[in-house]
Amino acid sequence: MAEISRVLRPGGIFCFDTINRTGRSRLVMIWLLENLLRQIPRGIHDWHKFITPAELTQMLEQNGFSSSQIGGFNLFGSTVSEHWATYRHYRHTGQFQARFDDDRRIMYIGTALKAH
């Protein structure tokens, strides 16, 4: 975060998306997508390196960012049946159907303004 703050000019906007460190994110990102469905390479994620919105907000503030906005970034649905429906759609079309919502339990997205 310090490096992002260093290279971004004052008034610049930092856009981000990341994975929340929750039990649900571990289940979906690692167990389901890596181990069971093998849609992404095994071992690519380290759940301990996932970051909660509160931790990211604190890091942003400590590095000169303000006006952060965070929302849910949903590729997978909110229930097991939605996860499977999304997976079937992906297998059929090769595309995920991303949507923005308030559910930050797996992934989230946002912006923060670099202070002047």
Protein backbone atom coordinates (compact mmCIF):
# COMPACT_ATOMS: atom_id res chain seq x y z
CA MET A 1 0.00 0.00 0.00
CA ALA A 2 2.91 2.35 0.72
CA GLU A 3 4.22 1.88 -2.83
CA ILE A 4 0.82 2.57 -4.36
CA SER A 5 0.58 5.74 -2.29
CA ARG A 6 4.10 6.76 -3.31
CA VAL A 7 3.53 6.46 -7.07
CA LEU A 8 -0.06 7.76 -7.22
CA ARG A 9 -0.25 11.54 -7.55
CA PRO A 10 -2.30 13.56 -5.06
CA GLY A 11 -5.97 13.49 -6.01
CA GLY A 12 -5.47 10.19 -7.88
CA ILE A 13 -7.94 7.35 -7.49
CA PHE A 14 -6.83 3.89 -6.45
CA CYS A 15 -9.17 1.17 -7.81
CA PHE A 16 -8.99 -2.29 -6.29
CA ASP A 17 -10.65 -5.65 -6.03
CA THR A 18 -9.58 -8.42 -3.72
CA ILE A 19 -10.68 -11.47 -1.78
CA ASN A 20 -12.02 -11.23 1.75
CA ARG A 21 -10.57 -13.51 4.43
CA THR A 22 -13.70 -15.41 5.47
CA GLY A 23 -14.70 -19.03 5.76
CA ARG A 24 -16.90 -18.60 2.71
CA SER A 25 -14.02 -17.24 0.60
CA ARG A 26 -11.86 -20.19 1.63
CA LEU A 27 -14.64 -22.60 0.67
CA VAL A 28 -15.35 -21.01 -2.73
CA MET A 29 -11.93 -19.78 -3.87
CA ILE A 30 -9.79 -22.66 -2.63
CA TRP A 31 -11.88 -25.75 -1.95
CA LEU A 32 -14.42 -25.31 -4.77
CA LEU A 33 -12.51 -23.52 -7.56
CA GLU A 34 -9.00 -24.90 -6.93
CA ASN A 35 -9.52 -28.36 -5.47
CA LEU A 36 -12.91 -29.65 -6.56
CA LEU A 37 -13.64 -27.99 -9.92
CA ARG A 38 -9.99 -27.24 -10.81
CA GLN A 39 -10.97 -24.05 -12.61
CA ILE A 40 -7.89 -22.21 -11.34
CA PRO A 41 -4.43 -23.63 -10.58
CA ARG A 42 -4.16 -25.48 -7.28
CA GLY A 43 -2.24 -23.58 -4.63
CA ILE A 44 -2.57 -20.18 -6.31
CA HIS A 45 -4.38 -18.72 -3.29
CA ASP A 46 -3.09 -18.42 0.26
CA TRP A 47 -6.13 -17.81 2.46
CA HIS A 48 -3.94 -16.23 5.16
CA LYS A 49 -3.00 -13.47 2.69
CA PHE A 50 -6.61 -12.56 1.93
CA ILE A 51 -7.55 -9.22 3.53
CA THR A 52 -10.72 -8.06 5.23
CA PRO A 53 -12.37 -4.76 4.24
CA ALA A 54 -11.60 -3.35 7.71
CA GLU A 55 -7.90 -4.22 7.36
CA LEU A 56 -7.73 -2.69 3.89
CA THR A 57 -9.53 0.47 5.05
CA GLN A 58 -7.03 0.86 7.88
CA MET A 59 -4.09 0.40 5.49
CA LEU A 60 -5.57 2.97 3.11
CA GLU A 61 -5.97 5.53 5.88
CA GLN A 62 -2.43 4.91 7.18
CA ASN A 63 -1.06 5.57 3.70
CA GLY A 64 -2.81 8.85 2.92
CA PHE A 65 -6.02 7.70 1.24
CA SER A 66 -9.50 8.94 2.04
CA SER A 67 -13.05 8.71 0.75
CA SER A 68 -12.80 4.96 0.29
CA GLN A 69 -15.85 3.18 -1.05
CA ILE A 70 -16.17 -0.59 -0.86
CA GLY A 71 -18.88 -2.83 -2.29
CA GLY A 72 -19.39 -6.50 -2.94
CA PHE A 73 -18.08 -8.01 -6.17
CA ASN A 74 -19.99 -11.18 -6.85
CA LEU A 75 -18.92 -13.73 -9.45
CA PHE A 76 -20.37 -16.74 -7.73
CA GLY A 77 -23.83 -16.13 -6.31
CA SER A 78 -24.81 -16.06 -2.65
CA THR A 79 -26.04 -19.62 -2.08
CA VAL A 80 -24.76 -23.08 -2.93
CA SER A 81 -27.42 -23.44 -5.64
CA GLU A 82 -26.36 -20.09 -7.13
CA HIS A 83 -22.71 -21.21 -7.03
CA TRP A 84 -23.59 -24.30 -9.05
CA ALA A 85 -25.80 -22.34 -11.47
CA THR A 86 -22.95 -19.89 -12.03
CA TYR A 87 -20.53 -22.74 -12.59
CA ARG A 88 -22.88 -24.39 -15.12
CA HIS A 89 -23.26 -21.05 -16.93
CA TYR A 90 -19.47 -20.65 -16.97
CA ARG A 91 -18.96 -24.17 -18.36
CA HIS A 92 -21.55 -23.51 -21.06
CA THR A 93 -20.45 -19.98 -22.08
CA GLY A 94 -16.90 -19.61 -20.74
CA GLN A 95 -17.94 -16.39 -18.99
CA PHE A 96 -18.65 -15.49 -15.40
CA GLN A 97 -21.56 -13.16 -14.74
CA ALA A 98 -20.13 -10.55 -12.37
CA ARG A 99 -22.40 -8.26 -10.45
CA PHE A 100 -21.92 -5.61 -7.81
CA ASP A 101 -23.87 -5.88 -4.58
CA ASP A 102 -23.48 -5.51 -0.82
CA ASP A 103 -22.21 -9.06 -0.25
CA ARG A 104 -18.51 -8.76 0.60
CA ARG A 105 -18.14 -12.25 2.07
CA ILE A 106 -16.05 -13.57 -0.86
CA MET A 107 -14.79 -10.69 -2.98
CA TYR A 108 -15.06 -6.93 -2.82
CA ILE A 109 -14.20 -3.96 -5.00
CA GLY A 110 -13.69 -0.28 -4.39
CA THR A 111 -11.93 3.01 -4.80
CA ALA A 112 -9.94 5.35 -2.57
CA LEU A 113 -8.77 8.91 -3.14
CA LYS A 114 -5.13 9.85 -2.57
CA ALA A 115 -5.04 12.92 -0.33
CA HIS A 116 -3.65 16.18 -1.73
